[in-house]
PDB file of N, CA and C in Angstrom:
ATOM      1  N   MET A   1     -15.059 -38.510  13.610  1.00  0.00           N
ATOM      2  CA  MET A   1     -15.242 -37.482  14.062  1.00  0.00           C
ATOM      3  C   MET A   1     -14.567 -36.657  14.073  1.00  0.00           C
ATOM      4  N   ALA A   2     -13.234 -37.592  14.334  1.00  0.00           N
ATOM      5  CA  ALA A   2     -11.911 -36.581  14.193  1.00  0.00           C
ATOM      6  C   ALA A   2     -11.905 -35.657  13.225  1.00  0.00           C
ATOM      7  N   LYS A   3     -12.316 -36.124  11.910  1.00  0.00           N
ATOM      8  CA  LYS A   3     -12.216 -35.516  10.777  1.00  0.00           C
ATOM      9  C   LYS A   3     -13.189 -33.614  11.020  1.00  0.00           C
ATOM     10  N   PHE A   4     -14.277 -33.977  11.596  1.00  0.00           N
ATOM     11  CA  PHE A   4     -15.006 -32.442  11.876  1.00  0.00           C
ATOM     12  C   PHE A   4     -14.392 -31.363  12.616  1.00  0.00           C
ATOM     13  N   GLU A   5     -13.481 -32.251  14.042  1.00  0.00           N
ATOM     14  CA  GLU A   5     -12.731 -31.349  15.150  1.00  0.00           C
ATOM     15  C   GLU A   5     -12.038 -31.408  14.068  1.00  0.00           C
ATOM     16  N   ASP A   6     -10.924 -32.033  13.283  1.00  0.00           N
ATOM     17  CA  ASP A   6      -9.420 -30.997  12.482  1.00  0.00           C
ATOM     18  C   ASP A   6     -10.589 -30.056  11.858  1.00  0.00           C
ATOM     19  N   ARG A   7     -11.369 -30.300  10.558  1.00  0.00           N
ATOM     20  CA  ARG A   7     -11.708 -29.154  10.059  1.00  0.00           C
ATOM     21  C   ARG A   7     -12.792 -28.003  10.916  1.00  0.00           C
ATOM     22  N   GLU A   8     -13.181 -28.384  12.035  1.00  0.00           N
ATOM     23  CA  GLU A   8     -13.432 -26.818  12.724  1.00  0.00           C
ATOM     24  C   GLU A   8     -11.925 -26.175  13.183  1.00  0.00           C
ATOM     25  N   ILE A   9     -11.390 -27.096  13.429  1.00  0.00           N
ATOM     26  CA  ILE A   9     -10.332 -26.171  13.900  1.00  0.00           C
ATOM     27  C   ILE A   9      -9.453 -25.624  13.199  1.00  0.00           C
ATOM     28  N   ARG A  10      -9.274 -25.887  11.852  1.00  0.00           N
ATOM     29  CA  ARG A  10      -9.117 -25.171  10.980  1.00  0.00           C
ATOM     30  C   ARG A  10      -9.407 -24.005  10.550  1.00  0.00           C
ATOM     31  N   ARG A  11     -10.880 -24.164  10.635  1.00  0.00           N
ATOM     32  CA  ARG A  11     -11.813 -23.169   9.983  1.00  0.00           C
ATOM     33  C   ARG A  11     -11.737 -21.855  11.271  1.00  0.00           C
ATOM     34  N   ARG A  12     -11.814 -22.328  12.463  1.00  0.00           N
ATOM     35  CA  ARG A  12     -11.562 -21.237  13.264  1.00  0.00           C
ATOM     36  C   ARG A  12     -10.225 -20.550  12.850  1.00  0.00           C
ATOM     37  N   GLY A  13      -9.444 -20.903  12.362  1.00  0.00           N
ATOM     38  CA  GLY A  13      -7.571 -20.080  12.636  1.00  0.00           C
ATOM     39  C   GLY A  13      -7.720 -19.809  11.444  1.00  0.00           C
ATOM     40  N   SER A  14      -8.637 -19.824  10.477  1.00  0.00           N
ATOM     41  CA  SER A  14      -8.829 -18.819   9.493  1.00  0.00           C
ATOM     42  C   SER A  14      -9.263 -17.561   9.112  1.00  0.00           C
ATOM     43  N   ILE A  15      -9.343 -16.479   8.021  1.00  0.00           N
ATOM     44  CA  ILE A  15      -9.789 -15.397   8.684  1.00  0.00           C
ATOM     45  C   ILE A  15     -11.231 -15.392   8.025  1.00  0.00           C
ATOM     46  N   VAL A  16     -12.050 -16.847   7.047  1.00  0.00           N
ATOM     47  CA  VAL A  16     -13.318 -16.560   7.267  1.00  0.00           C
ATOM     48  C   VAL A  16     -13.633 -17.276   8.671  1.00  0.00           C
ATOM     49  N   GLY A  17     -13.087 -18.221   9.621  1.00  0.00           N
ATOM     50  CA  GLY A  17     -13.700 -18.498  11.041  1.00  0.00           C
ATOM     51  C   GLY A  17     -13.410 -17.479  11.875  1.00  0.00           C
ATOM     52  N   SER A  18     -12.495 -15.943  11.692  1.00  0.00           N
ATOM     53  CA  SER A  18     -12.713 -14.991  12.409  1.00  0.00           C
ATOM     54  C   SER A  18     -14.151 -14.319  12.147  1.00  0.00           C
ATOM     55  N   ILE A  19     -14.113 -14.086  10.883  1.00  0.00           N
ATOM     56  CA  ILE A  19     -15.292 -13.299  10.436  1.00  0.00           C
ATOM     57  C   ILE A  19     -17.028 -13.924  11.308  1.00  0.00           C
ATOM     58  N   VAL A  20     -16.625 -15.436  10.628  1.00  0.00           N
ATOM     59  CA  VAL A  20     -18.121 -16.315  11.441  1.00  0.00           C
ATOM     60  C   VAL A  20     -17.992 -16.101  12.692  1.00  0.00           C
ATOM     61  N   ASP A  21     -17.347 -16.192  13.598  1.00  0.00           N
ATOM     62  CA  ASP A  21     -16.906 -16.373  15.036  1.00  0.00           C
ATOM     63  C   ASP A  21     -16.970 -14.814  15.703  1.00  0.00           C
ATOM     64  N   GLY A  22     -17.028 -13.644  15.034  1.00  0.00           N
ATOM     65  CA  GLY A  22     -17.108 -12.372  15.199  1.00  0.00           C
ATOM     66  C   GLY A  22     -15.949 -11.983  15.881  1.00  0.00           C
ATOM     67  N   ALA A  23     -14.808 -12.603  16.132  1.00  0.00           N
ATOM     68  CA  ALA A  23     -13.354 -12.054  16.362  1.00  0.00           C
ATOM     69  C   ALA A  23     -12.964 -11.325  15.374  1.00  0.00           C
ATOM     70  N   PRO A  24     -12.595 -10.613  15.338  1.00  0.00           N
ATOM     71  CA  PRO A  24     -11.318  -9.553  13.982  1.00  0.00           C
ATOM     72  C   PRO A  24     -10.189 -10.399  13.616  1.00  0.00           C
ATOM     73  N   ALA A  25     -10.449  -9.804  12.185  1.00  0.00           N
ATOM     74  CA  ALA A  25      -8.474 -11.022  11.739  1.00  0.00           C
ATOM     75  C   ALA A  25      -7.484 -10.727  11.896  1.00  0.00           C
ATOM     76  N   ALA A  26      -7.060 -11.381  12.079  1.00  0.00           N
ATOM     77  CA  ALA A  26      -5.539 -10.709  12.661  1.00  0.00           C
ATOM     78  C   ALA A  26      -5.193  -9.565  12.202  1.00  0.00           C
ATOM     79  N   ALA A  27      -4.405  -8.507  12.635  1.00  0.00           N
ATOM     80  CA  ALA A  27      -3.960  -7.473  11.982  1.00  0.00           C
ATOM     81  C   ALA A  27      -2.689  -7.466  12.147  1.00  0.00           C
ATOM     82  N   GLY A  28      -2.181  -6.912  10.185  1.00  0.00           N
ATOM     83  CA  GLY A  28      -0.875  -7.507   9.808  1.00  0.00           C
ATOM     84  C   GLY A  28      -0.706  -8.112   9.370  1.00  0.00           C
ATOM     85  N   SER A  29      -2.204  -8.394   8.401  1.00  0.00           N
ATOM     86  CA  SER A  29      -2.004  -9.993   7.795  1.00  0.00           C
ATOM     87  C   SER A  29      -0.788  -9.551   6.677  1.00  0.00           C
ATOM     88  N   GLY A  30      -0.676  -8.763   6.114  1.00  0.00           N
ATOM     89  CA  GLY A  30      -0.239  -8.168   5.289  1.00  0.00           C
ATOM     90  C   GLY A  30      -0.344  -8.264   3.901  1.00  0.00           C
ATOM     91  N   ARG A  31      -1.973  -8.018   3.886  1.00  0.00           N
ATOM     92  CA  ARG A  31      -2.888  -8.394   2.614  1.00  0.00           C
ATOM     93  C   ARG A  31      -3.427  -6.884   2.297  1.00  0.00           C
ATOM     94  N   GLY A  32      -3.781  -6.816   1.159  1.00  0.00           N
ATOM     95  CA  GLY A  32      -4.585  -5.294   0.921  1.00  0.00           C
ATOM     96  C   GLY A  32      -3.116  -4.240   1.196  1.00  0.00           C
ATOM     97  N   ARG A  33      -3.914  -2.708   0.820  1.00  0.00           N
ATOM     98  CA  ARG A  33      -2.673  -1.443   1.164  1.00  0.00           C
ATOM     99  C   ARG A  33      -3.073  -1.504   2.798  1.00  0.00           C
ATOM    100  N   PRO A  34      -1.692  -0.595   2.952  1.00  0.00           N
ATOM    101  CA  PRO A  34      -2.209  -0.419   4.461  1.00  0.00           C
ATOM    102  C   PRO A  34      -2.423   0.743   4.406  1.00  0.00           C
ATOM    103  N   LYS A  35      -3.734   1.011   5.472  1.00  0.00           N
ATOM    104  CA  LYS A  35      -4.306   2.240   6.092  1.00  0.00           C
ATOM    105  C   LYS A  35      -3.675   3.672   5.950  1.00  0.00           C
ATOM    106  N   GLU A  36      -4.347   4.131   5.296  1.00  0.00           N
ATOM    107  CA  GLU A  36      -3.613   5.642   5.507  1.00  0.00           C
ATOM    108  C   GLU A  36      -4.133   6.582   6.030  1.00  0.00           C
ATOM    109  N   GLY A  37      -3.525   7.759   6.717  1.00  0.00           N
ATOM    110  CA  GLY A  37      -4.079   8.570   7.723  1.00  0.00           C
ATOM    111  C   GLY A  37      -4.979   9.749   6.688  1.00  0.00           C
ATOM    112  N   ARG A  38      -5.129   9.858   5.984  1.00  0.00           N
ATOM    113  CA  ARG A  38      -6.285  11.111   5.573  1.00  0.00           C
ATOM    114  C   ARG A  38      -7.346  10.877   5.257  1.00  0.00           C
ATOM    115  N   GLU A  39      -8.338  11.438   5.099  1.00  0.00           N
ATOM    116  CA  GLU A  39      -9.925  11.880   5.160  1.00  0.00           C
ATOM    117  C   GLU A  39     -10.112  10.699   3.828  1.00  0.00           C
ATOM    118  N   ILE A  40     -11.530  10.635   3.746  1.00  0.00           N
ATOM    119  CA  ILE A  40     -11.633   9.094   3.079  1.00  0.00           C
ATOM    120  C   ILE A  40     -13.419  10.213   2.760  1.00  0.00           C
ATOM    121  N   LYS A  41     -13.676  10.305   1.063  1.00  0.00           N
ATOM    122  CA  LYS A  41     -14.887  10.823   0.953  1.00  0.00           C
ATOM    123  C   LYS A  41     -15.962  10.462   1.537  1.00  0.00           C
ATOM    124  N   LYS A  42     -16.961  11.297   1.518  1.00  0.00           N
ATOM    125  CA  LYS A  42     -18.208  10.440   2.229  1.00  0.00           C
ATOM    126  C   LYS A  42     -19.148  10.813   0.699  1.00  0.00           C
ATOM    127  N   ARG A  43     -19.660   9.378   0.218  1.00  0.00           N
ATOM    128  CA  ARG A  43     -20.738   9.357  -0.250  1.00  0.00           C
ATOM    129  C   ARG A  43     -22.101  10.140  -0.289  1.00  0.00           C
ATOM    130  N   VAL A  44     -22.747  11.151  -1.038  1.00  0.00           N
ATOM    131  CA  VAL A  44     -23.934  11.364  -0.763  1.00  0.00           C
ATOM    132  C   VAL A  44     -24.782  11.510  -1.735  1.00  0.00           C
ATOM    133  N   SER A  45     -26.776  11.613  -1.739  1.00  0.00           N
ATOM    134  CA  SER A  45     -27.302  11.626  -2.584  1.00  0.00           C
ATOM    135  C   SER A  45     -27.709  13.424  -2.554  1.00  0.00           C
ATOM    136  N   LEU A  46     -27.628  14.117  -3.647  1.00  0.00           N
ATOM    137  CA  LEU A  46     -28.051  15.197  -3.943  1.00  0.00           C
ATOM    138  C   LEU A  46     -28.878  14.918  -4.700  1.00  0.00           C
ATOM    139  N   SER A  47     -30.490  15.891  -4.535  1.00  0.00           N
ATOM    140  CA  SER A  47     -31.546  16.054  -5.658  1.00  0.00           C
ATOM    141  C   SER A  47     -31.266  17.700  -6.012  1.00  0.00           C
ATOM    142  N   VAL A  48     -31.357  17.487  -7.625  1.00  0.00           N
ATOM    143  CA  VAL A  48     -31.278  19.080  -8.264  1.00  0.00           C
ATOM    144  C   VAL A  48     -31.475  18.885  -9.304  1.00  0.00           C
ATOM    145  N   LEU A  49     -32.352  20.200  -9.625  1.00  0.00           N
ATOM    146  CA  LEU A  49     -33.431  20.231 -11.021  1.00  0.00           C
ATOM    147  C   LEU A  49     -32.281  19.347 -12.472  1.00  0.00           C
ATOM    148  N   PRO A  50     -32.839  19.119 -13.101  1.00  0.00           N
ATOM    149  CA  PRO A  50     -31.880  18.464 -14.201  1.00  0.00           C
ATOM    150  C   PRO A  50     -31.290  19.522 -14.662  1.00  0.00           C
ATOM    151  N   SER A  51     -31.887  20.327 -15.598  1.00  0.00           N
ATOM    152  CA  SER A  51     -31.474  21.718 -16.488  1.00  0.00           C
ATOM    153  C   SER A  51     -30.372  21.655 -15.406  1.00  0.00           C
ATOM    154  N   LEU A  52     -30.227  22.504 -14.204  1.00  0.00           N
ATOM    155  CA  LEU A  52     -28.775  22.457 -13.569  1.00  0.00           C
ATOM    156  C   LEU A  52     -27.977  21.819 -13.370  1.00  0.00           C
ATOM    157  N   TYR A  53     -27.922  20.678 -13.126  1.00  0.00           N
ATOM    158  CA  TYR A  53     -27.100  19.841 -13.321  1.00  0.00           C
ATOM    159  C   TYR A  53     -26.530  19.395 -14.541  1.00  0.00           C
ATOM    160  N   GLU A  54     -27.025  19.675 -15.999  1.00  0.00           N
ATOM    161  CA  GLU A  54     -26.859  19.674 -17.053  1.00  0.00           C
ATOM    162  C   GLU A  54     -25.770  20.558 -17.298  1.00  0.00           C
ATOM    163  N   ASP A  55     -26.121  22.023 -16.879  1.00  0.00           N
ATOM    164  CA  ASP A  55     -25.336  22.749 -16.721  1.00  0.00           C
ATOM    165  C   ASP A  55     -23.795  22.560 -16.454  1.00  0.00           C
ATOM    166  N   ILE A  56     -23.674  21.948 -14.988  1.00  0.00           N
ATOM    167  CA  ILE A  56     -22.915  21.960 -14.103  1.00  0.00           C
ATOM    168  C   ILE A  56     -21.962  20.765 -14.984  1.00  0.00           C
ATOM    169  N   GLN A  57     -22.647  20.206 -15.190  1.00  0.00           N
ATOM    170  CA  GLN A  57     -21.394  18.854 -16.175  1.00  0.00           C
ATOM    171  C   GLN A  57     -21.283  19.424 -17.452  1.00  0.00           C
ATOM    172  N   LYS A  58     -21.772  20.616 -18.115  1.00  0.00           N
ATOM    173  CA  LYS A  58     -20.943  21.069 -19.132  1.00  0.00           C
ATOM    174  C   LYS A  58     -19.283  21.843 -18.502  1.00  0.00           C
ATOM    175  N   ILE A  59     -19.968  22.779 -17.885  1.00  0.00           N
ATOM    176  CA  ILE A  59     -19.052  23.668 -16.926  1.00  0.00           C
ATOM    177  C   ILE A  59     -17.569  22.727 -17.210  1.00  0.00           C
ATOM    178  N   ALA A  60     -18.084  21.580 -16.321  1.00  0.00           N
ATOM    179  CA  ALA A  60     -17.169  20.665 -15.527  1.00  0.00           C
ATOM    180  C   ALA A  60     -16.359  20.061 -16.711  1.00  0.00           C
ATOM    181  N   TYR A  61     -17.192  19.917 -17.730  1.00  0.00           N
ATOM    182  CA  TYR A  61     -16.541  19.497 -19.178  1.00  0.00           C
ATOM    183  C   TYR A  61     -15.282  20.258 -19.218  1.00  0.00           C
ATOM    184  N   VAL A  62     -15.858  21.230 -19.411  1.00  0.00           N
ATOM    185  CA  VAL A  62     -14.766  22.221 -20.198  1.00  0.00           C
ATOM    186  C   VAL A  62     -13.606  22.445 -18.789  1.00  0.00           C
ATOM    187  N   GLN A  63     -13.900  22.633 -18.067  1.00  0.00           N
ATOM    188  CA  GLN A  63     -12.752  22.779 -17.262  1.00  0.00           C
ATOM    189  C   GLN A  63     -11.673  21.443 -16.378  1.00  0.00           C
ATOM    190  N   ARG A  64     -12.273  20.038 -17.363  1.00  0.00           N
ATOM    191  CA  ARG A  64     -11.875  18.786 -17.300  1.00  0.00           C
ATOM    192  C   ARG A  64     -12.020  18.364 -16.278  1.00  0.00           C
ATOM    193  N   ARG A  65     -12.909  18.154 -14.987  1.00  0.00           N
ATOM    194  CA  ARG A  65     -12.997  18.515 -14.038  1.00  0.00           C
ATOM    195  C   ARG A  65     -14.490  17.434 -13.653  1.00  0.00           C
ATOM    196  N   SER A  66     -14.362  16.374 -12.464  1.00  0.00           N
ATOM    197  CA  SER A  66     -15.841  15.592 -12.143  1.00  0.00           C
ATOM    198  C   SER A  66     -16.348  16.837 -11.656  1.00  0.00           C
ATOM    199  N   ILE A  67     -17.645  16.489 -11.841  1.00  0.00           N
ATOM    200  CA  ILE A  67     -18.636  17.426 -10.860  1.00  0.00           C
ATOM    201  C   ILE A  67     -18.846  17.230  -9.671  1.00  0.00           C
ATOM    202  N   SER A  68     -17.609  16.143  -9.185  1.00  0.00           N
ATOM    203  CA  SER A  68     -17.553  16.134  -7.438  1.00  0.00           C
ATOM    204  C   SER A  68     -16.848  17.312  -7.132  1.00  0.00           C
ATOM    205  N   ASP A  69     -15.731  17.161  -8.000  1.00  0.00           N
ATOM    206  CA  ASP A  69     -14.739  17.881  -7.462  1.00  0.00           C
ATOM    207  C   ASP A  69     -15.222  19.345  -7.653  1.00  0.00           C
ATOM    208  N   VAL A  70     -16.400  19.801  -8.746  1.00  0.00           N
ATOM    209  CA  VAL A  70     -16.345  21.194  -8.618  1.00  0.00           C
ATOM    210  C   VAL A  70     -17.946  21.589  -7.410  1.00  0.00           C
ATOM    211  N   VAL A  71     -18.317  20.527  -7.524  1.00  0.00           N
ATOM    212  CA  VAL A  71     -19.576  21.094  -5.778  1.00  0.00           C
ATOM    213  C   VAL A  71     -18.285  20.548  -5.145  1.00  0.00           C
ATOM    214  N   GLY A  72     -17.781  19.933  -4.652  1.00  0.00           N
ATOM    215  CA  GLY A  72     -16.558  20.217  -3.164  1.00  0.00           C
ATOM    216  C   GLY A  72     -16.188  21.230  -3.017  1.00  0.00           C
ATOM    217  N   ASP A  73     -15.848  22.256  -4.161  1.00  0.00           N
ATOM    218  CA  ASP A  73     -14.888  23.242  -4.145  1.00  0.00           C
ATOM    219  C   ASP A  73     -15.665  24.503  -3.275  1.00  0.00           C
ATOM    220  N   LEU A  74     -17.279  24.044  -4.222  1.00  0.00           N
ATOM    221  CA  LEU A  74     -18.144  25.078  -4.457  1.00  0.00           C
ATOM    222  C   LEU A  74     -18.825  25.224  -2.975  1.00  0.00           C
ATOM    223  N   MET A  75     -18.594  24.011  -2.165  1.00  0.00           N
ATOM    224  CA  MET A  75     -18.936  23.614  -0.754  1.00  0.00           C
ATOM    225  C   MET A  75     -17.966  23.936  -0.012  1.00  0.00           C
ATOM    226  N   GLU A  76     -16.583  24.188  -0.128  1.00  0.00           N
ATOM    227  CA  GLU A  76     -15.606  24.653   0.476  1.00  0.00           C
ATOM    228  C   GLU A  76     -15.649  25.769   0.674  1.00  0.00           C
ATOM    229  N   GLN A  77     -15.830  26.647  -0.526  1.00  0.00           N
ATOM    230  CA  GLN A  77     -16.018  27.839  -0.040  1.00  0.00           C
ATOM    231  C   GLN A  77     -17.407  28.466   0.282  1.00  0.00           C
ATOM    232  N   PHE A  78     -18.373  27.679   0.051  1.00  0.00           N
ATOM    233  CA  PHE A  78     -19.972  27.896   1.467  1.00  0.00           C
ATOM    234  C   PHE A  78     -19.151  27.917   2.703  1.00  0.00           C
ATOM    235  N   ARG A  79     -18.301  26.488   2.656  1.00  0.00           N
ATOM    236  CA  ARG A  79     -18.036  26.708   4.766  1.00  0.00           C
ATOM    237  C   ARG A  79     -16.914  28.101   5.020  1.00  0.00           C
ATOM    238  N   ALA A  80     -16.477  28.192   3.981  1.00  0.00           N
ATOM    239  CA  ALA A  80     -15.386  29.095   4.649  1.00  0.00           C
ATOM    240  C   ALA A  80     -15.883  30.994   4.746  1.00  0.00           C
ATOM    241  N   GLY A  81     -17.165  30.870   4.003  1.00  0.00           N
ATOM    242  CA  GLY A  81     -17.582  32.605   4.361  1.00  0.00           C
ATOM    243  C   GLY A  81     -18.473  32.164   4.982  1.00  0.00           C
ATOM    244  N   HIS A  82     -18.974  30.798   5.507  1.00  0.00           N
ATOM    245  CA  HIS A  82     -19.938  30.638   7.266  1.00  0.00           C
ATOM    246  C   HIS A  82     -19.232  30.661   8.117  1.00  0.00           C
ATOM    247  N   GLU A  83     -17.766  30.933   8.180  1.00  0.00           N
ATOM    248  CA  GLU A  83     -16.950  30.093   9.599  1.00  0.00           C
ATOM    249  C   GLU A  83     -17.688  30.765  11.024  1.00  0.00           C
ATOM    250  N   LYS A  84     -18.775  32.035  10.947  1.00  0.00           N
ATOM    251  CA  LYS A  84     -19.319  32.319  11.703  1.00  0.00           C
ATOM    252  C   LYS A  84     -20.493  31.562  12.558  1.00  0.00           C
ATOM    253  N   GLU A  85     -20.965  30.934  11.802  1.00  0.00           N
ATOM    254  CA  GLU A  85     -21.987  29.755  11.812  1.00  0.00           C
ATOM    255  C   GLU A  85     -21.552  28.637  12.775  1.00  0.00           C
ATOM    256  N   LEU A  86     -20.249  28.314  11.829  1.00  0.00           N
ATOM    257  CA  LEU A  86     -19.655  27.061  12.680  1.00  0.00           C
ATOM    258  C   LEU A  86     -19.193  27.019  13.986  1.00  0.00           C
ATOM    259  N   VAL A  87     -18.906  28.652  14.337  1.00  0.00           N
ATOM    260  CA  VAL A  87     -18.686  28.706  15.676  1.00  0.00           C
ATOM    261  C   VAL A  87     -19.741  28.801  16.520  1.00  0.00           C
ATOM    262  N   GLU A  88     -20.923  29.794  15.631  1.00  0.00           N
ATOM    263  CA  GLU A  88     -22.049  29.257  16.713  1.00  0.00           C
ATOM    264  C   GLU A  88     -22.727  28.339  16.893  1.00  0.00           C
ATOM    265  N   TYR A  89     -23.029  27.110  15.920  1.00  0.00           N
ATOM    266  CA  TYR A  89     -22.608  25.953  15.781  1.00  0.00           C
ATOM    267  C   TYR A  89     -22.376  24.921  17.019  1.00  0.00           C
ATOM    268  N   LYS A  90     -21.005  25.321  17.273  1.00  0.00           N
ATOM    269  CA  LYS A  90     -20.383  24.840  18.426  1.00  0.00           C
ATOM    270  C   LYS A  90     -20.344  25.001  19.652  1.00  0.00           C
ATOM    271  N   LYS A  91     -20.666  26.640  19.966  1.00  0.00           N
ATOM    272  CA  LYS A  91     -21.364  27.237  20.905  1.00  0.00           C
ATOM    273  C   LYS A  91     -22.501  26.460  21.115  1.00  0.00           C
ATOM    274  N   ILE A  92     -23.489  26.162  20.368  1.00  0.00           N
ATOM    275  CA  ILE A  92     -24.967  26.160  21.194  1.00  0.00           C
ATOM    276  C   ILE A  92     -24.403  24.676  21.659  1.00  0.00           C
ATOM    277  N   LYS A  93     -23.408  23.337  20.329  1.00  0.00           N
ATOM    278  CA  LYS A  93     -23.767  21.990  21.089  1.00  0.00           C
ATOM    279  C   LYS A  93     -23.085  22.128  22.647  1.00  0.00           C
ATOM    280  N   ASN A  94     -22.185  22.988  22.656  1.00  0.00           N
ATOM    281  CA  ASN A  94     -21.668  22.710  23.740  1.00  0.00           C
ATOM    282  C   ASN A  94     -22.570  23.479  24.984  1.00  0.00           C
ATOM    283  N   ASN A  95     -23.407  24.112  25.165  1.00  0.00           N
ATOM    284  CA  ASN A  95     -24.586  24.550  25.464  1.00  0.00           C
ATOM    285  C   ASN A  95     -25.679  23.420  26.605  1.00  0.00           C
ATOM    286  N   GLU A  96     -26.153  22.701  25.368  1.00  0.00           N
ATOM    287  CA  GLU A  96     -26.873  21.347  25.242  1.00  0.00           C
ATOM    288  C   GLU A  96     -26.239  20.375  26.310  1.00  0.00           C
ATOM    289  N   GLY A  97     -24.545  20.108  26.305  1.00  0.00           N
ATOM    290  CA  GLY A  97     -24.666  19.586  27.160  1.00  0.00           C
ATOM    291  C   GLY A  97     -24.214  19.776  28.474  1.00  0.00           C
ATOM    292  N   LYS A  98     -24.456  20.999  28.865  1.00  0.00           N
ATOM    293  CA  LYS A  98     -24.882  21.240  30.293  1.00  0.00           C
ATOM    294  C   LYS A  98     -25.524  20.907  30.867  1.00  0.00           C
TER     295      LYS A  98
END
């Protein structure tokens, strides 16, 4: 029985043990890259016509950019052109909470 207890004590002290027991792993363990305070991209799935996708792919190739970069820039331009709607959305959401 002593072997089992010793193994269980070692397991609880390990990272695997903390995952199994549901406790967070020790912070600052020094493994991996440190977290940065930057925004992380969100992965989404879009449905587009194949002909449209092929043309965007060709344009991105000529510009030496990724399709993700091209679409991201277009979405940023769209957001900048619709600031009024964003402000109105915030007003609507604030009024719903009251």
